[in-house]
Structures are given as structure tokens and as C-alpha cells.
Amino acid sequence: MEIFTIGHSNRSLEEFVSLLKHYGIKQIVDVRRFPTSKVVPHFKKEILKAALEKSGIEYKHIERLGGYRKIGYKEYVKTKEFRSALRELIELAEKKKTAIMCSEALWFKCHRRYIADELVKLGWIVKHIITKERVIKH
């Protein structure tokens, strides 16, 4: 199975949706613990969800996969809570072409790298969307 990751960064909503469509993404799973943004308000959960669904892309939010953990994300991946949330992500991704999303543009500076590590261990192919011309295999 294959799954993508993407960071919304400071992109416009139009650019973000265009990027998802370019890669055939049918579902976004938001892995931000706090799905809001003061810097780019169009990436607030409610606004983003409405825009994606208007474009034919389903939006899901799995807060339990979000970052900012007191014990650190590297330790958090060992918990039952993380494993349960990862199972939820996998169940969603088995049904539709999916990208997990956070705010950081660069996956290696984000907790998405730990999620990707765990998915690869389970046999998933993980691809990080950078631009329309560039995808990096994990």
C-alpha cells in the first residue's frame, strides 16, 4: 500500500488543493494536534475541511497522531494510544488514496517522519510531497 505526506506550509489554499489533485489524493488525514493556524488562517480545520470537500477530497482529523507530546514524539510512538491511532489511519488509507498532513513543509523537520517510519515498518510505501515536480520516497 502507498500513502503520501504533505505540509501545508504557507501555501495558498488553491495551490494546496492543486498539489493534492496532481497526485490523485482523495483523502487528507490531518495529524496536527491543534488544527489551526494564525499565520495561514485558511488552514484552520473548519475552513480547510470545507474547501477540500468542495474539491472532492475527504478530510479527516486524527488528533492522537498530533505532535507536541510531553514525552516527546519518539517515545510517544511506543504507546498504545499511538498504535491505536495508527491503526485508524491505516484503515482510512486502505480505502482511499491518502495523504497525512501537518503544517511543516519539510517532513524531516516534522513528526510526520515518525509516522512514516512506523508505516514503512508495516510494509507501506510512504512518499513525501514537496512540489508538483518533486516527491521523496521515505
C-alpha atoms as a PDB file:
ATOM      1  CA  MET A   1       0.000   0.000   0.000  1.00  0.00           C
ATOM      2  CA  GLU A   2       1.011   3.589  -0.603  1.00  0.00           C
ATOM      3  CA  ILE A   3       0.457   6.750   1.435  1.00  0.00           C
ATOM      4  CA  PHE A   4       1.648  10.314   0.997  1.00  0.00           C
ATOM      5  CA  THR A   5       2.590  13.089   3.422  1.00  0.00           C
ATOM      6  CA  ILE A   6       2.366  16.838   2.912  1.00  0.00           C
ATOM      7  CA  GLY A   7       2.944  20.003   4.893  1.00  0.00           C
ATOM      8  CA  HIS A   8       0.646  22.930   4.196  1.00  0.00           C
ATOM      9  CA  SER A   9       3.376  25.496   4.999  1.00  0.00           C
ATOM     10  CA  ASN A  10       2.420  28.977   3.779  1.00  0.00           C
ATOM     11  CA  ARG A  11       0.807  27.808   0.545  1.00  0.00           C
ATOM     12  CA  SER A  12      -2.424  29.280  -0.703  1.00  0.00           C
ATOM     13  CA  LEU A  13      -5.464  27.038  -0.427  1.00  0.00           C
ATOM     14  CA  GLU A  14      -5.671  26.883  -4.221  1.00  0.00           C
ATOM     15  CA  GLU A  15      -2.038  25.776  -4.512  1.00  0.00           C
ATOM     16  CA  PHE A  16      -2.528  23.158  -1.792  1.00  0.00           C
ATOM     17  CA  VAL A  17      -5.638  21.658  -3.417  1.00  0.00           C
ATOM     18  CA  SER A  18      -3.954  21.711  -6.835  1.00  0.00           C
ATOM     19  CA  LEU A  19      -0.994  19.793  -5.407  1.00  0.00           C
ATOM     20  CA  LEU A  20      -3.286  17.163  -3.893  1.00  0.00           C
ATOM     21  CA  LYS A  21      -5.196  16.755  -7.147  1.00  0.00           C
ATOM     22  CA  HIS A  22      -1.923  16.481  -9.090  1.00  0.00           C
ATOM     23  CA  TYR A  23      -1.056  13.377  -7.050  1.00  0.00           C
ATOM     24  CA  GLY A  24      -4.594  11.978  -7.129  1.00  0.00           C
ATOM     25  CA  ILE A  25      -5.151  12.367  -3.378  1.00  0.00           C
ATOM     26  CA  LYS A  26      -8.741  11.567  -2.385  1.00  0.00           C
ATOM     27  CA  GLN A  27      -8.395  11.973   1.373  1.00  0.00           C
ATOM     28  CA  ILE A  28      -6.390  14.145   3.767  1.00  0.00           C
ATOM     29  CA  VAL A  29      -5.746  12.936   7.297  1.00  0.00           C
ATOM     30  CA  ASP A  30      -4.781  15.941   9.384  1.00  0.00           C
ATOM     31  CA  VAL A  31      -2.219  14.910  12.007  1.00  0.00           C
ATOM     32  CA  ARG A  32      -1.898  18.292  13.674  1.00  0.00           C
ATOM     33  CA  ARG A  33      -2.680  18.089  17.354  1.00  0.00           C
ATOM     34  CA  PHE A  34      -4.095  21.605  17.168  1.00  0.00           C
ATOM     35  CA  PRO A  35      -5.637  22.004  13.683  1.00  0.00           C
ATOM     36  CA  THR A  36      -5.480  25.778  13.440  1.00  0.00           C
ATOM     37  CA  SER A  37      -3.138  28.459  12.127  1.00  0.00           C
ATOM     38  CA  LYS A  38      -2.716  32.129  12.949  1.00  0.00           C
ATOM     39  CA  VAL A  39      -0.198  32.596  10.137  1.00  0.00           C
ATOM     40  CA  VAL A  40      -2.273  30.938   7.384  1.00  0.00           C
ATOM     41  CA  PRO A  41      -5.874  31.035   8.650  1.00  0.00           C
ATOM     42  CA  HIS A  42      -7.248  29.164   5.625  1.00  0.00           C
ATOM     43  CA  PHE A  43      -5.658  26.046   7.153  1.00  0.00           C
ATOM     44  CA  LYS A  44      -7.917  26.159  10.203  1.00  0.00           C
ATOM     45  CA  LYS A  45      -9.776  22.856  10.424  1.00  0.00           C
ATOM     46  CA  GLU A  46     -13.257  24.129   9.500  1.00  0.00           C
ATOM     47  CA  ILE A  47     -12.093  26.263   6.568  1.00  0.00           C
ATOM     48  CA  LEU A  48      -9.772  23.571   5.218  1.00  0.00           C
ATOM     49  CA  LYS A  49     -12.360  20.820   5.551  1.00  0.00           C
ATOM     50  CA  ALA A  50     -14.967  22.835   3.632  1.00  0.00           C
ATOM     51  CA  ALA A  51     -12.518  23.735   0.846  1.00  0.00           C
ATOM     52  CA  LEU A  52     -11.256  20.171   0.462  1.00  0.00           C
ATOM     53  CA  GLU A  53     -14.711  18.628   0.425  1.00  0.00           C
ATOM     54  CA  LYS A  54     -15.836  21.223  -2.146  1.00  0.00           C
ATOM     55  CA  SER A  55     -12.935  19.957  -4.272  1.00  0.00           C
ATOM     56  CA  GLY A  56     -13.908  16.302  -3.803  1.00  0.00           C
ATOM     57  CA  ILE A  57     -11.222  15.494  -1.221  1.00  0.00           C
ATOM     58  CA  GLU A  58     -12.329  13.982   2.069  1.00  0.00           C
ATOM     59  CA  TYR A  59     -10.963  15.465   5.307  1.00  0.00           C
ATOM     60  CA  LYS A  60     -10.288  13.509   8.497  1.00  0.00           C
ATOM     61  CA  HIS A  61      -8.520  14.625  11.667  1.00  0.00           C
ATOM     62  CA  ILE A  62      -6.728  12.199  13.975  1.00  0.00           C
ATOM     63  CA  GLU A  63      -5.676  14.308  16.949  1.00  0.00           C
ATOM     64  CA  ARG A  64      -3.984  11.320  18.600  1.00  0.00           C
ATOM     65  CA  LEU A  65      -1.353  11.376  15.834  1.00  0.00           C
ATOM     66  CA  GLY A  66      -0.586  15.042  16.509  1.00  0.00           C
ATOM     67  CA  GLY A  67       2.750  16.311  17.761  1.00  0.00           C
ATOM     68  CA  TYR A  68       3.645  18.331  20.852  1.00  0.00           C
ATOM     69  CA  ARG A  69       3.781  15.416  23.297  1.00  0.00           C
ATOM     70  CA  LYS A  70       5.254  15.896  26.781  1.00  0.00           C
ATOM     71  CA  ILE A  71       7.227  12.665  26.499  1.00  0.00           C
ATOM     72  CA  GLY A  72       8.462  13.527  23.012  1.00  0.00           C
ATOM     73  CA  TYR A  73       7.092  12.011  19.819  1.00  0.00           C
ATOM     74  CA  LYS A  74       9.881   9.454  19.538  1.00  0.00           C
ATOM     75  CA  GLU A  75       8.678   7.955  22.841  1.00  0.00           C
ATOM     76  CA  TYR A  76       5.008   8.550  22.047  1.00  0.00           C
ATOM     77  CA  VAL A  77       5.146   6.136  19.081  1.00  0.00           C
ATOM     78  CA  LYS A  78       5.670   3.315  21.609  1.00  0.00           C
ATOM     79  CA  THR A  79       2.341   3.953  23.351  1.00  0.00           C
ATOM     80  CA  LYS A  80      -0.987   2.159  22.958  1.00  0.00           C
ATOM     81  CA  GLU A  81      -2.620   5.493  22.124  1.00  0.00           C
ATOM     82  CA  PHE A  82      -0.307   5.998  19.153  1.00  0.00           C
ATOM     83  CA  ARG A  83      -0.716   2.399  17.945  1.00  0.00           C
ATOM     84  CA  SER A  84      -4.499   2.727  18.085  1.00  0.00           C
ATOM     85  CA  ALA A  85      -4.399   5.995  16.137  1.00  0.00           C
ATOM     86  CA  LEU A  86      -2.022   4.472  13.579  1.00  0.00           C
ATOM     87  CA  ARG A  87      -4.486   1.599  13.060  1.00  0.00           C
ATOM     88  CA  GLU A  88      -7.223   4.172  12.458  1.00  0.00           C
ATOM     89  CA  LEU A  89      -5.032   5.907   9.857  1.00  0.00           C
ATOM     90  CA  ILE A  90      -4.281   2.611   8.120  1.00  0.00           C
ATOM     91  CA  GLU A  91      -7.969   1.676   7.968  1.00  0.00           C
ATOM     92  CA  LEU A  92      -8.715   5.013   6.292  1.00  0.00           C
ATOM     93  CA  ALA A  93      -5.752   4.792   3.903  1.00  0.00           C
ATOM     94  CA  GLU A  94      -6.693   1.288   2.768  1.00  0.00           C
ATOM     95  CA  LYS A  95      -9.933   2.692   1.328  1.00  0.00           C
ATOM     96  CA  LYS A  96      -8.751   5.847  -0.480  1.00  0.00           C
ATOM     97  CA  LYS A  97      -5.549   7.380  -1.789  1.00  0.00           C
ATOM     98  CA  THR A  98      -4.474   9.321   1.292  1.00  0.00           C
ATOM     99  CA  ALA A  99      -2.021  11.992   2.375  1.00  0.00           C
ATOM    100  CA  ILE A 100      -1.279  12.762   6.002  1.00  0.00           C
ATOM    101  CA  MET A 101      -0.931  16.479   6.602  1.00  0.00           C
ATOM    102  CA  CYS A 102       0.753  18.758   9.093  1.00  0.00           C
ATOM    103  CA  SER A 103       1.929  22.356   8.893  1.00  0.00           C
ATOM    104  CA  GLU A 104       5.692  21.891   8.399  1.00  0.00           C
ATOM    105  CA  ALA A 105       6.738  21.869   4.731  1.00  0.00           C
ATOM    106  CA  LEU A 106       9.736  19.612   5.320  1.00  0.00           C
ATOM    107  CA  TRP A 107       8.738  16.141   6.515  1.00  0.00           C
ATOM    108  CA  PHE A 108      12.101  15.513   8.202  1.00  0.00           C
ATOM    109  CA  LYS A 109      11.526  18.521  10.491  1.00  0.00           C
ATOM    110  CA  CYS A 110       8.094  17.248  11.498  1.00  0.00           C
ATOM    111  CA  HIS A 111       6.569  14.398  13.481  1.00  0.00           C
ATOM    112  CA  ARG A 112       5.319  13.015  10.142  1.00  0.00           C
ATOM    113  CA  ARG A 113       8.771  11.389   9.882  1.00  0.00           C
ATOM    114  CA  TYR A 114       7.983   9.182  12.884  1.00  0.00           C
ATOM    115  CA  ILE A 115       4.575   8.249  11.498  1.00  0.00           C
ATOM    116  CA  ALA A 116       6.251   7.450   8.170  1.00  0.00           C
ATOM    117  CA  ASP A 117       8.889   5.314   9.919  1.00  0.00           C
ATOM    118  CA  GLU A 118       6.172   3.232  11.560  1.00  0.00           C
ATOM    119  CA  LEU A 119       4.210   2.844   8.325  1.00  0.00           C
ATOM    120  CA  VAL A 120       7.329   1.684   6.456  1.00  0.00           C
ATOM    121  CA  LYS A 121       7.941  -0.937   9.168  1.00  0.00           C
ATOM    122  CA  LEU A 122       4.445  -2.233   8.386  1.00  0.00           C
ATOM    123  CA  GLY A 123       5.205  -2.522   4.669  1.00  0.00           C
ATOM    124  CA  TRP A 124       3.739   0.764   3.425  1.00  0.00           C
ATOM    125  CA  ILE A 125       5.349   2.863   0.712  1.00  0.00           C
ATOM    126  CA  VAL A 126       5.490   6.435   2.018  1.00  0.00           C
ATOM    127  CA  LYS A 127       6.023   9.376  -0.327  1.00  0.00           C
ATOM    128  CA  HIS A 128       6.552  12.958   0.820  1.00  0.00           C
ATOM    129  CA  ILE A 129       5.009  15.589  -1.466  1.00  0.00           C
ATOM    130  CA  ILE A 130       7.278  18.606  -1.888  1.00  0.00           C
ATOM    131  CA  THR A 131       6.096  20.166  -5.176  1.00  0.00           C
ATOM    132  CA  LYS A 132       4.351  19.005  -8.354  1.00  0.00           C
ATOM    133  CA  GLU A 133       7.782  18.104  -9.685  1.00  0.00           C
ATOM    134  CA  ARG A 134       9.212  16.556  -6.541  1.00  0.00           C
ATOM    135  CA  VAL A 135       8.196  13.663  -4.301  1.00  0.00           C
ATOM    136  CA  ILE A 136      10.625  11.960  -1.946  1.00  0.00           C
ATOM    137  CA  LYS A 137      10.266   8.292  -1.053  1.00  0.00           C
ATOM    138  CA  HIS A 138      10.769   7.665   2.671  1.00  0.00           C
END
